[in-house]
Amino acid sequence: MDTGKLVNNTTFYDGFEDEPEIELFIAENPEFNIHIWQGYFSDIFREPSLDGKGWNGFTRDFQQLERTYEEKDVIIDVDEYLNDLYIYHQRTFEFEETRECYELLCHFLEYAKENGKTVKVNWW
């Protein structure tokens, strides 16, 4: 797995400075971090399923403004958040860059899972 894109990656936040940002980082190796403009998160997690089964991961956090959204340095259950992300695989996104951002987010969490790493999240 290519880890070059997982180190100090601000690609999806550059140009949006001073706007809301989500940072994910590996607790054991903080140089492994990605920064994402909240607009891309909104594009991914907008219009969640209303099937009555409840929300998990970033869908829950973003839609209900809780957990990673309201606390700093929250450790996440990588499987829960990854499974939540996979729900949006077929989504058509509003912004062209969101697909690449989505794939980076999946890649980051997959790396953490495969290597037994702890992921922390901050919303700024």
PDB file of N, CA and C in Angstrom:
ATOM      1  N   MET A   1       0.845  -1.180   0.000  1.00  0.00           N
ATOM      2  CA  MET A   1       0.000   0.000   0.000  1.00  0.00           C
ATOM      3  C   MET A   1       0.894   1.248   0.000  1.00  0.00           C
ATOM      4  N   ASP A   2       0.623   2.160  -0.921  1.00  0.00           N
ATOM      5  CA  ASP A   2       1.385   3.405  -1.033  1.00  0.00           C
ATOM      6  C   ASP A   2       1.042   4.318   0.145  1.00  0.00           C
ATOM      7  N   THR A   3       2.047   4.612   0.966  1.00  0.00           N
ATOM      8  CA  THR A   3       1.799   5.459   2.138  1.00  0.00           C
ATOM      9  C   THR A   3       2.182   6.918   1.900  1.00  0.00           C
ATOM     10  N   GLY A   4       2.768   7.230   0.759  1.00  0.00           N
ATOM     11  CA  GLY A   4       3.192   8.603   0.477  1.00  0.00           C
ATOM     12  C   GLY A   4       2.064   9.610   0.566  1.00  0.00           C
ATOM     13  N   LYS A   5       0.862   9.225   0.157  1.00  0.00           N
ATOM     14  CA  LYS A   5      -0.286  10.126   0.195  1.00  0.00           C
ATOM     15  C   LYS A   5      -0.859  10.299   1.603  1.00  0.00           C
ATOM     16  N   LEU A   6      -0.355   9.518   2.553  1.00  0.00           N
ATOM     17  CA  LEU A   6      -0.908   9.542   3.911  1.00  0.00           C
ATOM     18  C   LEU A   6      -0.081  10.394   4.872  1.00  0.00           C
ATOM     19  N   VAL A   7       1.013  10.951   4.398  1.00  0.00           N
ATOM     20  CA  VAL A   7       1.910  11.726   5.256  1.00  0.00           C
ATOM     21  C   VAL A   7       1.707  13.214   4.998  1.00  0.00           C
ATOM     22  N   ASN A   8       1.290  13.917   6.050  1.00  0.00           N
ATOM     23  CA  ASN A   8       1.109  15.378   5.992  1.00  0.00           C
ATOM     24  C   ASN A   8       0.368  15.825   4.730  1.00  0.00           C
ATOM     25  N   ASN A   9      -0.743  15.183   4.448  1.00  0.00           N
ATOM     26  CA  ASN A   9      -1.495  15.461   3.226  1.00  0.00           C
ATOM     27  C   ASN A   9      -2.562  16.526   3.463  1.00  0.00           C
ATOM     28  N   THR A  10      -2.372  17.667   2.836  1.00  0.00           N
ATOM     29  CA  THR A  10      -3.341  18.764   2.929  1.00  0.00           C
ATOM     30  C   THR A  10      -3.998  19.043   1.579  1.00  0.00           C
ATOM     31  N   THR A  11      -3.847  18.131   0.633  1.00  0.00           N
ATOM     32  CA  THR A  11      -4.365  18.310  -0.725  1.00  0.00           C
ATOM     33  C   THR A  11      -5.828  18.735  -0.730  1.00  0.00           C
ATOM     34  N   PHE A  12      -6.628  18.135   0.134  1.00  0.00           N
ATOM     35  CA  PHE A  12      -8.066  18.411   0.129  1.00  0.00           C
ATOM     36  C   PHE A  12      -8.471  19.465   1.158  1.00  0.00           C
ATOM     37  N   TYR A  13      -7.483  20.218   1.607  1.00  0.00           N
ATOM     38  CA  TYR A  13      -7.757  21.395   2.440  1.00  0.00           C
ATOM     39  C   TYR A  13      -7.079  22.638   1.870  1.00  0.00           C
ATOM     40  N   ASP A  14      -6.038  22.463   1.081  1.00  0.00           N
ATOM     41  CA  ASP A  14      -5.345  23.602   0.477  1.00  0.00           C
ATOM     42  C   ASP A  14      -6.344  24.443  -0.315  1.00  0.00           C
ATOM     43  N   GLY A  15      -6.288  25.752  -0.074  1.00  0.00           N
ATOM     44  CA  GLY A  15      -7.203  26.670  -0.741  1.00  0.00           C
ATOM     45  C   GLY A  15      -8.456  26.947   0.059  1.00  0.00           C
ATOM     46  N   PHE A  16      -8.661  26.199   1.136  1.00  0.00           N
ATOM     47  CA  PHE A  16      -9.843  26.396   1.978  1.00  0.00           C
ATOM     48  C   PHE A  16      -9.455  26.816   3.393  1.00  0.00           C
ATOM     49  N   GLU A  17      -8.230  27.319   3.560  1.00  0.00           N
ATOM     50  CA  GLU A  17      -7.770  27.746   4.871  1.00  0.00           C
ATOM     51  C   GLU A  17      -8.797  28.688   5.491  1.00  0.00           C
ATOM     52  N   ASP A  18      -8.923  28.614   6.800  1.00  0.00           N
ATOM     53  CA  ASP A  18      -9.883  29.402   7.585  1.00  0.00           C
ATOM     54  C   ASP A  18     -11.323  28.907   7.436  1.00  0.00           C
ATOM     55  N   GLU A  19     -11.528  27.809   6.733  1.00  0.00           N
ATOM     56  CA  GLU A  19     -12.847  27.182   6.674  1.00  0.00           C
ATOM     57  C   GLU A  19     -12.778  25.890   7.482  1.00  0.00           C
ATOM     58  N   PRO A  20     -13.929  25.333   7.872  1.00  0.00           N
ATOM     59  CA  PRO A  20     -13.923  24.124   8.697  1.00  0.00           C
ATOM     60  C   PRO A  20     -13.127  22.985   8.064  1.00  0.00           C
ATOM     61  N   GLU A  21     -12.374  22.281   8.921  1.00  0.00           N
ATOM     62  CA  GLU A  21     -11.427  21.254   8.491  1.00  0.00           C
ATOM     63  C   GLU A  21     -11.569  20.014   9.369  1.00  0.00           C
ATOM     64  N   ILE A  22     -11.364  18.856   8.758  1.00  0.00           N
ATOM     65  CA  ILE A  22     -11.314  17.601   9.483  1.00  0.00           C
ATOM     66  C   ILE A  22      -9.900  17.053   9.323  1.00  0.00           C
ATOM     67  N   GLU A  23      -9.295  16.684  10.454  1.00  0.00           N
ATOM     68  CA  GLU A  23      -7.957  16.104  10.444  1.00  0.00           C
ATOM     69  C   GLU A  23      -8.046  14.685  10.986  1.00  0.00           C
ATOM     70  N   LEU A  24      -7.473  13.741  10.258  1.00  0.00           N
ATOM     71  CA  LEU A  24      -7.320  12.369  10.736  1.00  0.00           C
ATOM     72  C   LEU A  24      -5.834  12.113  10.852  1.00  0.00           C
ATOM     73  N   PHE A  25      -5.430  11.474  11.952  1.00  0.00           N
ATOM     74  CA  PHE A  25      -4.015  11.150  12.095  1.00  0.00           C
ATOM     75  C   PHE A  25      -3.836   9.849  12.863  1.00  0.00           C
ATOM     76  N   ILE A  26      -2.687   9.243  12.621  1.00  0.00           N
ATOM     77  CA  ILE A  26      -2.322   7.993  13.287  1.00  0.00           C
ATOM     78  C   ILE A  26      -1.651   8.362  14.608  1.00  0.00           C
ATOM     79  N   ALA A  27      -2.213   7.913  15.711  1.00  0.00           N
ATOM     80  CA  ALA A  27      -1.698   8.281  17.033  1.00  0.00           C
ATOM     81  C   ALA A  27      -0.238   7.859  17.215  1.00  0.00           C
ATOM     82  N   GLU A  28       0.109   6.681  16.720  1.00  0.00           N
ATOM     83  CA  GLU A  28       1.470   6.172  16.892  1.00  0.00           C
ATOM     84  C   GLU A  28       2.483   6.855  15.968  1.00  0.00           C
ATOM     85  N   ASN A  29       2.007   7.432  14.887  1.00  0.00           N
ATOM     86  CA  ASN A  29       2.857   8.107  13.899  1.00  0.00           C
ATOM     87  C   ASN A  29       2.134   9.367  13.415  1.00  0.00           C
ATOM     88  N   PRO A  30       2.151  10.452  14.192  1.00  0.00           N
ATOM     89  CA  PRO A  30       1.365  11.644  13.851  1.00  0.00           C
ATOM     90  C   PRO A  30       1.695  12.272  12.498  1.00  0.00           C
ATOM     91  N   GLU A  31       2.870  11.931  11.928  1.00  0.00           N
ATOM     92  CA  GLU A  31       3.179  12.466  10.602  1.00  0.00           C
ATOM     93  C   GLU A  31       2.257  11.852   9.537  1.00  0.00           C
ATOM     94  N   PHE A  32       1.603  10.738   9.873  1.00  0.00           N
ATOM     95  CA  PHE A  32       0.579  10.167   9.008  1.00  0.00           C
ATOM     96  C   PHE A  32      -0.716  10.912   9.319  1.00  0.00           C
ATOM     97  N   ASN A  33      -1.033  11.887   8.506  1.00  0.00           N
ATOM     98  CA  ASN A  33      -2.228  12.694   8.727  1.00  0.00           C
ATOM     99  C   ASN A  33      -2.763  13.210   7.413  1.00  0.00           C
ATOM    100  N   ILE A  34      -4.085  13.356   7.368  1.00  0.00           N
ATOM    101  CA  ILE A  34      -4.739  13.957   6.218  1.00  0.00           C
ATOM    102  C   ILE A  34      -5.681  15.044   6.721  1.00  0.00           C
ATOM    103  N   HIS A  35      -5.813  16.094   5.930  1.00  0.00           N
ATOM    104  CA  HIS A  35      -6.653  17.248   6.268  1.00  0.00           C
ATOM    105  C   HIS A  35      -7.660  17.430   5.146  1.00  0.00           C
ATOM    106  N   ILE A  36      -8.931  17.552   5.517  1.00  0.00           N
ATOM    107  CA  ILE A  36     -10.002  17.598   4.527  1.00  0.00           C
ATOM    108  C   ILE A  36     -10.926  18.772   4.827  1.00  0.00           C
ATOM    109  N   TRP A  37     -11.243  19.529   3.790  1.00  0.00           N
ATOM    110  CA  TRP A  37     -12.207  20.619   3.902  1.00  0.00           C
ATOM    111  C   TRP A  37     -13.581  20.025   4.213  1.00  0.00           C
ATOM    112  N   GLN A  38     -14.317  20.650   5.121  1.00  0.00           N
ATOM    113  CA  GLN A  38     -15.611  20.125   5.527  1.00  0.00           C
ATOM    114  C   GLN A  38     -16.594  20.052   4.354  1.00  0.00           C
ATOM    115  N   GLY A  39     -16.408  20.866   3.354  1.00  0.00           N
ATOM    116  CA  GLY A  39     -17.278  20.808   2.179  1.00  0.00           C
ATOM    117  C   GLY A  39     -17.228  19.459   1.481  1.00  0.00           C
ATOM    118  N   TYR A  40     -16.043  18.842   1.448  1.00  0.00           N
ATOM    119  CA  TYR A  40     -15.942  17.502   0.855  1.00  0.00           C
ATOM    120  C   TYR A  40     -16.631  16.470   1.739  1.00  0.00           C
ATOM    121  N   PHE A  41     -16.496  16.629   3.051  1.00  0.00           N
ATOM    122  CA  PHE A  41     -17.184  15.733   3.978  1.00  0.00           C
ATOM    123  C   PHE A  41     -18.694  15.855   3.785  1.00  0.00           C
ATOM    124  N   SER A  42     -19.155  17.076   3.672  1.00  0.00           N
ATOM    125  CA  SER A  42     -20.575  17.311   3.463  1.00  0.00           C
ATOM    126  C   SER A  42     -21.048  16.646   2.176  1.00  0.00           C
ATOM    127  N   ASP A  43     -20.239  16.731   1.131  1.00  0.00           N
ATOM    128  CA  ASP A  43     -20.582  16.125  -0.141  1.00  0.00           C
ATOM    129  C   ASP A  43     -20.682  14.603  -0.011  1.00  0.00           C
ATOM    130  N   ILE A  44     -19.817  14.006   0.782  1.00  0.00           N
ATOM    131  CA  ILE A  44     -19.845  12.552   0.972  1.00  0.00           C
ATOM    132  C   ILE A  44     -21.032  12.126   1.834  1.00  0.00           C
ATOM    133  N   PHE A  45     -21.215  12.789   2.962  1.00  0.00           N
ATOM    134  CA  PHE A  45     -22.161  12.309   3.975  1.00  0.00           C
ATOM    135  C   PHE A  45     -23.528  12.991   3.955  1.00  0.00           C
ATOM    136  N   ARG A  46     -23.780  13.831   2.966  1.00  0.00           N
ATOM    137  CA  ARG A  46     -25.110  14.437   2.823  1.00  0.00           C
ATOM    138  C   ARG A  46     -26.098  13.346   2.424  1.00  0.00           C
ATOM    139  N   GLU A  47     -27.316  13.571   2.685  1.00  0.00           N
ATOM    140  CA  GLU A  47     -28.376  12.637   2.301  1.00  0.00           C
ATOM    141  C   GLU A  47     -28.095  11.197   2.722  1.00  0.00           C
ATOM    142  N   PRO A  48     -27.944  10.963   4.022  1.00  0.00           N
ATOM    143  CA  PRO A  48     -27.694   9.593   4.497  1.00  0.00           C
ATOM    144  C   PRO A  48     -28.949   8.734   4.389  1.00  0.00           C
ATOM    145  N   SER A  49     -28.763   7.455   4.515  1.00  0.00           N
ATOM    146  CA  SER A  49     -29.875   6.512   4.489  1.00  0.00           C
ATOM    147  C   SER A  49     -30.857   6.838   5.612  1.00  0.00           C
ATOM    148  N   LEU A  50     -32.130   6.770   5.291  1.00  0.00           N
ATOM    149  CA  LEU A  50     -33.181   6.987   6.288  1.00  0.00           C
ATOM    150  C   LEU A  50     -33.964   5.692   6.507  1.00  0.00           C
ATOM    151  N   ASP A  51     -33.263   4.564   6.427  1.00  0.00           N
ATOM    152  CA  ASP A  51     -33.914   3.259   6.532  1.00  0.00           C
ATOM    153  C   ASP A  51     -34.303   2.877   7.961  1.00  0.00           C
ATOM    154  N   GLY A  52     -33.978   3.711   8.934  1.00  0.00           N
ATOM    155  CA  GLY A  52     -34.346   3.442  10.319  1.00  0.00           C
ATOM    156  C   GLY A  52     -33.389   2.531  11.058  1.00  0.00           C
ATOM    157  N   LYS A  53     -32.296   2.138  10.427  1.00  0.00           N
ATOM    158  CA  LYS A  53     -31.331   1.238  11.063  1.00  0.00           C
ATOM    159  C   LYS A  53     -30.288   1.995  11.881  1.00  0.00           C
ATOM    160  N   GLY A  54     -30.365   3.304  11.886  1.00  0.00           N
ATOM    161  CA  GLY A  54     -29.406   4.098  12.639  1.00  0.00           C
ATOM    162  C   GLY A  54     -28.175   4.417  11.832  1.00  0.00           C
ATOM    163  N   TRP A  55     -27.434   5.391  12.300  1.00  0.00           N
ATOM    164  CA  TRP A  55     -26.228   5.839  11.620  1.00  0.00           C
ATOM    165  C   TRP A  55     -25.009   5.459  12.432  1.00  0.00           C
ATOM    166  N   ASN A  56     -23.896   5.242  11.737  1.00  0.00           N
ATOM    167  CA  ASN A  56     -22.625   4.921  12.369  1.00  0.00           C
ATOM    168  C   ASN A  56     -21.542   5.812  11.793  1.00  0.00           C
ATOM    169  N   GLY A  57     -20.366   5.751  12.387  1.00  0.00           N
ATOM    170  CA  GLY A  57     -19.190   6.414  11.845  1.00  0.00           C
ATOM    171  C   GLY A  57     -19.370   7.891  11.597  1.00  0.00           C
ATOM    172  N   PHE A  58     -18.789   8.341  10.487  1.00  0.00           N
ATOM    173  CA  PHE A  58     -18.851   9.765  10.161  1.00  0.00           C
ATOM    174  C   PHE A  58     -20.264  10.213   9.836  1.00  0.00           C
ATOM    175  N   THR A  59     -21.105   9.321   9.326  1.00  0.00           N
ATOM    176  CA  THR A  59     -22.494   9.707   9.055  1.00  0.00           C
ATOM    177  C   THR A  59     -23.150  10.172  10.349  1.00  0.00           C
ATOM    178  N   ARG A  60     -23.005   9.385  11.408  1.00  0.00           N
ATOM    179  CA  ARG A  60     -23.571   9.753  12.712  1.00  0.00           C
ATOM    180  C   ARG A  60     -22.957  11.053  13.214  1.00  0.00           C
ATOM    181  N   ASP A  61     -21.636  11.111  13.198  1.00  0.00           N
ATOM    182  CA  ASP A  61     -20.940  12.278  13.732  1.00  0.00           C
ATOM    183  C   ASP A  61     -21.341  13.548  12.987  1.00  0.00           C
ATOM    184  N   PHE A  62     -21.379  13.475  11.668  1.00  0.00           N
ATOM    185  CA  PHE A  62     -21.673  14.646  10.842  1.00  0.00           C
ATOM    186  C   PHE A  62     -23.141  15.046  10.931  1.00  0.00           C
ATOM    187  N   GLN A  63     -24.035  14.087  10.835  1.00  0.00           N
ATOM    188  CA  GLN A  63     -25.470  14.388  10.826  1.00  0.00           C
ATOM    189  C   GLN A  63     -26.003  14.771  12.208  1.00  0.00           C
ATOM    190  N   GLN A  64     -25.456  14.183  13.257  1.00  0.00           N
ATOM    191  CA  GLN A  64     -25.950  14.433  14.609  1.00  0.00           C
ATOM    192  C   GLN A  64     -25.048  15.382  15.402  1.00  0.00           C
ATOM    193  N   LEU A  65     -23.983  15.877  14.767  1.00  0.00           N
ATOM    194  CA  LEU A  65     -23.046  16.820  15.393  1.00  0.00           C
ATOM    195  C   LEU A  65     -22.551  16.297  16.737  1.00  0.00           C
ATOM    196  N   GLU A  66     -22.046  15.073  16.742  1.00  0.00           N
ATOM    197  CA  GLU A  66     -21.558  14.487  17.975  1.00  0.00           C
ATOM    198  C   GLU A  66     -20.228  13.774  17.776  1.00  0.00           C
ATOM    199  N   ARG A  67     -19.740  13.176  18.804  1.00  0.00           N
ATOM    200  CA  ARG A  67     -18.517  12.391  18.876  1.00  0.00           C
ATOM    201  C   ARG A  67     -17.324  13.116  18.260  1.00  0.00           C
ATOM    202  N   THR A  68     -16.844  12.720  17.085  1.00  0.00           N
ATOM    203  CA  THR A  68     -15.658  13.363  16.522  1.00  0.00           C
ATOM    204  C   THR A  68     -15.927  14.825  16.197  1.00  0.00           C
ATOM    205  N   TYR A  69     -17.181  15.165  15.973  1.00  0.00           N
ATOM    206  CA  TYR A  69     -17.539  16.545  15.619  1.00  0.00           C
ATOM    207  C   TYR A  69     -17.415  17.490  16.807  1.00  0.00           C
ATOM    208  N   GLU A  70     -17.656  16.987  18.015  1.00  0.00           N
ATOM    209  CA  GLU A  70     -17.686  17.880  19.178  1.00  0.00           C
ATOM    210  C   GLU A  70     -16.519  17.714  20.145  1.00  0.00           C
ATOM    211  N   GLU A  71     -15.754  16.642  20.017  1.00  0.00           N
ATOM    212  CA  GLU A  71     -14.635  16.395  20.923  1.00  0.00           C
ATOM    213  C   GLU A  71     -13.326  16.416  20.142  1.00  0.00           C
ATOM    214  N   LYS A  72     -12.225  16.691  20.818  1.00  0.00           N
ATOM    215  CA  LYS A  72     -10.914  16.709  20.166  1.00  0.00           C
ATOM    216  C   LYS A  72     -10.160  15.405  20.427  1.00  0.00           C
ATOM    217  N   ASP A  73      -9.352  15.008  19.463  1.00  0.00           N
ATOM    218  CA  ASP A  73      -8.520  13.800  19.557  1.00  0.00           C
ATOM    219  C   ASP A  73      -9.335  12.543  19.865  1.00  0.00           C
ATOM    220  N   VAL A  74     -10.473  12.396  19.211  1.00  0.00           N
ATOM    221  CA  VAL A  74     -11.308  11.225  19.436  1.00  0.00           C
ATOM    222  C   VAL A  74     -10.710  10.025  18.717  1.00  0.00           C
ATOM    223  N   ILE A  75     -10.553   8.938  19.451  1.00  0.00           N
ATOM    224  CA  ILE A  75     -10.101   7.675  18.856  1.00  0.00           C
ATOM    225  C   ILE A  75     -11.332   6.986  18.274  1.00  0.00           C
ATOM    226  N   ILE A  76     -11.206   6.578  17.023  1.00  0.00           N
ATOM    227  CA  ILE A  76     -12.358   5.953  16.375  1.00  0.00           C
ATOM    228  C   ILE A  76     -12.170   4.447  16.223  1.00  0.00           C
ATOM    229  N   ASP A  77     -13.279   3.752  16.092  1.00  0.00           N
ATOM    230  CA  ASP A  77     -13.290   2.333  15.758  1.00  0.00           C
ATOM    231  C   ASP A  77     -13.144   2.274  14.235  1.00  0.00           C
ATOM    232  N   VAL A  78     -11.973   1.932  13.769  1.00  0.00           N
ATOM    233  CA  VAL A  78     -11.660   1.991  12.340  1.00  0.00           C
ATOM    234  C   VAL A  78     -12.655   1.172  11.523  1.00  0.00           C
ATOM    235  N   ASP A  79     -13.020  -0.022  11.983  1.00  0.00           N
ATOM    236  CA  ASP A  79     -13.974  -0.847  11.237  1.00  0.00           C
ATOM    237  C   ASP A  79     -15.316  -0.143  11.082  1.00  0.00           C
ATOM    238  N   GLU A  80     -15.812   0.449  12.154  1.00  0.00           N
ATOM    239  CA  GLU A  80     -17.101   1.141  12.098  1.00  0.00           C
ATOM    240  C   GLU A  80     -17.071   2.274  11.076  1.00  0.00           C
ATOM    241  N   TYR A  81     -16.024   3.085  11.120  1.00  0.00           N
ATOM    242  CA  TYR A  81     -15.941   4.240  10.239  1.00  0.00           C
ATOM    243  C   TYR A  81     -15.670   3.832   8.794  1.00  0.00           C
ATOM    244  N   LEU A  82     -14.913   2.783   8.608  1.00  0.00           N
ATOM    245  CA  LEU A  82     -14.647   2.282   7.258  1.00  0.00           C
ATOM    246  C   LEU A  82     -15.914   1.692   6.653  1.00  0.00           C
ATOM    247  N   ASN A  83     -16.634   0.895   7.415  1.00  0.00           N
ATOM    248  CA  ASN A  83     -17.890   0.320   6.922  1.00  0.00           C
ATOM    249  C   ASN A  83     -18.895   1.408   6.577  1.00  0.00           C
ATOM    250  N   ASP A  84     -18.926   2.457   7.385  1.00  0.00           N
ATOM    251  CA  ASP A  84     -19.803   3.585   7.089  1.00  0.00           C
ATOM    252  C   ASP A  84     -19.393   4.242   5.770  1.00  0.00           C
ATOM    253  N   LEU A  85     -18.116   4.445   5.570  1.00  0.00           N
ATOM    254  CA  LEU A  85     -17.634   5.050   4.319  1.00  0.00           C
ATOM    255  C   LEU A  85     -18.031   4.222   3.105  1.00  0.00           C
ATOM    256  N   TYR A  86     -17.910   2.917   3.201  1.00  0.00           N
ATOM    257  CA  TYR A  86     -18.200   2.041   2.063  1.00  0.00           C
ATOM    258  C   TYR A  86     -19.643   2.177   1.574  1.00  0.00           C
ATOM    259  N   ILE A  87     -20.531   2.600   2.432  1.00  0.00           N
ATOM    260  CA  ILE A  87     -21.929   2.803   2.036  1.00  0.00           C
ATOM    261  C   ILE A  87     -22.031   3.828   0.903  1.00  0.00           C
ATOM    262  N   TYR A  88     -21.095   4.759   0.850  1.00  0.00           N
ATOM    263  CA  TYR A  88     -21.155   5.866  -0.107  1.00  0.00           C
ATOM    264  C   TYR A  88     -20.351   5.602  -1.379  1.00  0.00           C
ATOM    265  N   HIS A  89     -19.894   4.389  -1.566  1.00  0.00           N
ATOM    266  CA  HIS A  89     -19.033   4.063  -2.708  1.00  0.00           C
ATOM    267  C   HIS A  89     -19.675   4.415  -4.058  1.00  0.00           C
ATOM    268  N   GLN A  90     -20.949   4.185  -4.206  1.00  0.00           N
ATOM    269  CA  GLN A  90     -21.639   4.421  -5.486  1.00  0.00           C
ATOM    270  C   GLN A  90     -22.199   5.836  -5.628  1.00  0.00           C
ATOM    271  N   ARG A  91     -22.041   6.644  -4.613  1.00  0.00           N
ATOM    272  CA  ARG A  91     -22.613   7.990  -4.629  1.00  0.00           C
ATOM    273  C   ARG A  91     -22.023   8.835  -5.757  1.00  0.00           C
ATOM    274  N   THR A  92     -22.874   9.648  -6.359  1.00  0.00           N
ATOM    275  CA  THR A  92     -22.424  10.662  -7.301  1.00  0.00           C
ATOM    276  C   THR A  92     -22.235  11.938  -6.495  1.00  0.00           C
ATOM    277  N   PHE A  93     -21.036  12.485  -6.560  1.00  0.00           N
ATOM    278  CA  PHE A  93     -20.701  13.650  -5.745  1.00  0.00           C
ATOM    279  C   PHE A  93     -20.886  14.945  -6.518  1.00  0.00           C
ATOM    280  N   GLU A  94     -21.150  16.004  -5.778  1.00  0.00           N
ATOM    281  CA  GLU A  94     -21.345  17.329  -6.374  1.00  0.00           C
ATOM    282  C   GLU A  94     -20.025  17.904  -6.895  1.00  0.00           C
ATOM    283  N   PHE A  95     -18.961  17.770  -6.099  1.00  0.00           N
ATOM    284  CA  PHE A  95     -17.664  18.315  -6.481  1.00  0.00           C
ATOM    285  C   PHE A  95     -16.819  17.224  -7.143  1.00  0.00           C
ATOM    286  N   GLU A  96     -16.168  17.570  -8.214  1.00  0.00           N
ATOM    287  CA  GLU A  96     -15.337  16.617  -8.940  1.00  0.00           C
ATOM    288  C   GLU A  96     -14.249  16.003  -8.051  1.00  0.00           C
ATOM    289  N   GLU A  97     -13.664  16.808  -7.153  1.00  0.00           N
ATOM    290  CA  GLU A  97     -12.569  16.356  -6.301  1.00  0.00           C
ATOM    291  C   GLU A  97     -13.023  15.420  -5.185  1.00  0.00           C
ATOM    292  N   THR A  98     -14.303  15.382  -4.898  1.00  0.00           N
ATOM    293  CA  THR A  98     -14.788  14.589  -3.767  1.00  0.00           C
ATOM    294  C   THR A  98     -14.504  13.109  -3.943  1.00  0.00           C
ATOM    295  N   ARG A  99     -14.590  12.582  -5.151  1.00  0.00           N
ATOM    296  CA  ARG A  99     -14.321  11.153  -5.365  1.00  0.00           C
ATOM    297  C   ARG A  99     -12.894  10.811  -4.931  1.00  0.00           C
ATOM    298  N   GLU A 100     -11.937  11.638  -5.327  1.00  0.00           N
ATOM    299  CA  GLU A 100     -10.544  11.402  -4.957  1.00  0.00           C
ATOM    300  C   GLU A 100     -10.354  11.565  -3.448  1.00  0.00           C
ATOM    301  N   CYS A 101     -11.030  12.531  -2.858  1.00  0.00           N
ATOM    302  CA  CYS A 101     -10.979  12.738  -1.415  1.00  0.00           C
ATOM    303  C   CYS A 101     -11.555  11.517  -0.695  1.00  0.00           C
ATOM    304  N   TYR A 102     -12.687  11.027  -1.171  1.00  0.00           N
ATOM    305  CA  TYR A 102     -13.322   9.838  -0.615  1.00  0.00           C
ATOM    306  C   TYR A 102     -12.352   8.649  -0.642  1.00  0.00           C
ATOM    307  N   GLU A 103     -11.699   8.458  -1.775  1.00  0.00           N
ATOM    308  CA  GLU A 103     -10.763   7.347  -1.912  1.00  0.00           C
ATOM    309  C   GLU A 103      -9.568   7.496  -0.966  1.00  0.00           C
ATOM    310  N   LEU A 104      -9.086   8.727  -0.779  1.00  0.00           N
ATOM    311  CA  LEU A 104      -7.995   8.961   0.173  1.00  0.00           C
ATOM    312  C   LEU A 104      -8.438   8.616   1.593  1.00  0.00           C
ATOM    313  N   LEU A 105      -9.630   9.018   1.954  1.00  0.00           N
ATOM    314  CA  LEU A 105     -10.169   8.728   3.282  1.00  0.00           C
ATOM    315  C   LEU A 105     -10.265   7.214   3.494  1.00  0.00           C
ATOM    316  N   CYS A 106     -10.769   6.495   2.508  1.00  0.00           N
ATOM    317  CA  CYS A 106     -10.829   5.029   2.599  1.00  0.00           C
ATOM    318  C   CYS A 106      -9.426   4.451   2.719  1.00  0.00           C
ATOM    319  N   HIS A 107      -8.521   4.914   1.899  1.00  0.00           N
ATOM    320  CA  HIS A 107      -7.136   4.429   1.892  1.00  0.00           C
ATOM    321  C   HIS A 107      -6.478   4.633   3.261  1.00  0.00           C
ATOM    322  N   PHE A 108      -6.713   5.797   3.850  1.00  0.00           N
ATOM    323  CA  PHE A 108      -6.136   6.121   5.155  1.00  0.00           C
ATOM    324  C   PHE A 108      -6.637   5.138   6.214  1.00  0.00           C
ATOM    325  N   LEU A 109      -7.942   4.924   6.255  1.00  0.00           N
ATOM    326  CA  LEU A 109      -8.511   4.015   7.254  1.00  0.00           C
ATOM    327  C   LEU A 109      -8.134   2.559   6.978  1.00  0.00           C
ATOM    328  N   GLU A 110      -8.052   2.183   5.709  1.00  0.00           N
ATOM    329  CA  GLU A 110      -7.623   0.823   5.371  1.00  0.00           C
ATOM    330  C   GLU A 110      -6.183   0.586   5.818  1.00  0.00           C
ATOM    331  N   TYR A 111      -5.324   1.581   5.625  1.00  0.00           N
ATOM    332  CA  TYR A 111      -3.935   1.473   6.083  1.00  0.00           C
ATOM    333  C   TYR A 111      -3.904   1.255   7.601  1.00  0.00           C
ATOM    334  N   ALA A 112      -4.664   2.056   8.324  1.00  0.00           N
ATOM    335  CA  ALA A 112      -4.695   1.941   9.786  1.00  0.00           C
ATOM    336  C   ALA A 112      -5.181   0.556  10.213  1.00  0.00           C
ATOM    337  N   LYS A 113      -6.221   0.076   9.569  1.00  0.00           N
ATOM    338  CA  LYS A 113      -6.764  -1.240   9.914  1.00  0.00           C
ATOM    339  C   LYS A 113      -5.750  -2.345   9.641  1.00  0.00           C
ATOM    340  N   GLU A 114      -5.158  -2.330   8.462  1.00  0.00           N
ATOM    341  CA  GLU A 114      -4.208  -3.375   8.078  1.00  0.00           C
ATOM    342  C   GLU A 114      -2.960  -3.389   8.958  1.00  0.00           C
ATOM    343  N   ASN A 115      -2.625  -2.250   9.544  1.00  0.00           N
ATOM    344  CA  ASN A 115      -1.408  -2.146  10.337  1.00  0.00           C
ATOM    345  C   ASN A 115      -1.675  -2.013  11.835  1.00  0.00           C
ATOM    346  N   GLY A 116      -2.922  -2.185  12.242  1.00  0.00           N
ATOM    347  CA  GLY A 116      -3.271  -2.140  13.657  1.00  0.00           C
ATOM    348  C   GLY A 116      -2.992  -0.798  14.308  1.00  0.00           C
ATOM    349  N   LYS A 117      -3.201   0.279  13.577  1.00  0.00           N
ATOM    350  CA  LYS A 117      -2.915   1.628  14.090  1.00  0.00           C
ATOM    351  C   LYS A 117      -4.162   2.273  14.690  1.00  0.00           C
ATOM    352  N   THR A 118      -3.935   3.217  15.587  1.00  0.00           N
ATOM    353  CA  THR A 118      -4.993   3.976  16.232  1.00  0.00           C
ATOM    354  C   THR A 118      -5.212   5.262  15.457  1.00  0.00           C
ATOM    355  N   VAL A 119      -6.459   5.510  15.061  1.00  0.00           N
ATOM    356  CA  VAL A 119      -6.791   6.733  14.327  1.00  0.00           C
ATOM    357  C   VAL A 119      -7.503   7.701  15.256  1.00  0.00           C
ATOM    358  N   LYS A 120      -7.046   8.937  15.214  1.00  0.00           N
ATOM    359  CA  LYS A 120      -7.704  10.015  15.947  1.00  0.00           C
ATOM    360  C   LYS A 120      -8.235  11.030  14.943  1.00  0.00           C
ATOM    361  N   VAL A 121      -9.302  11.719  15.347  1.00  0.00           N
ATOM    362  CA  VAL A 121      -9.964  12.687  14.469  1.00  0.00           C
ATOM    363  C   VAL A 121     -10.181  13.979  15.214  1.00  0.00           C
ATOM    364  N   ASN A 122      -9.956  15.081  14.518  1.00  0.00           N
ATOM    365  CA  ASN A 122     -10.258  16.425  15.014  1.00  0.00           C
ATOM    366  C   ASN A 122     -11.020  17.197  13.949  1.00  0.00           C
ATOM    367  N   TRP A 123     -12.030  17.925  14.376  1.00  0.00           N
ATOM    368  CA  TRP A 123     -12.742  18.875  13.503  1.00  0.00           C
ATOM    369  C   TRP A 123     -12.302  20.254  13.962  1.00  0.00           C
ATOM    370  N   TRP A 124     -11.838  21.073  13.055  1.00  0.00           N
ATOM    371  CA  TRP A 124     -11.377  22.415  13.390  1.00  0.00           C
ATOM    372  C   TRP A 124     -12.238  23.448  12.739  1.00  0.00           C
TER     373      TRP A 124
END
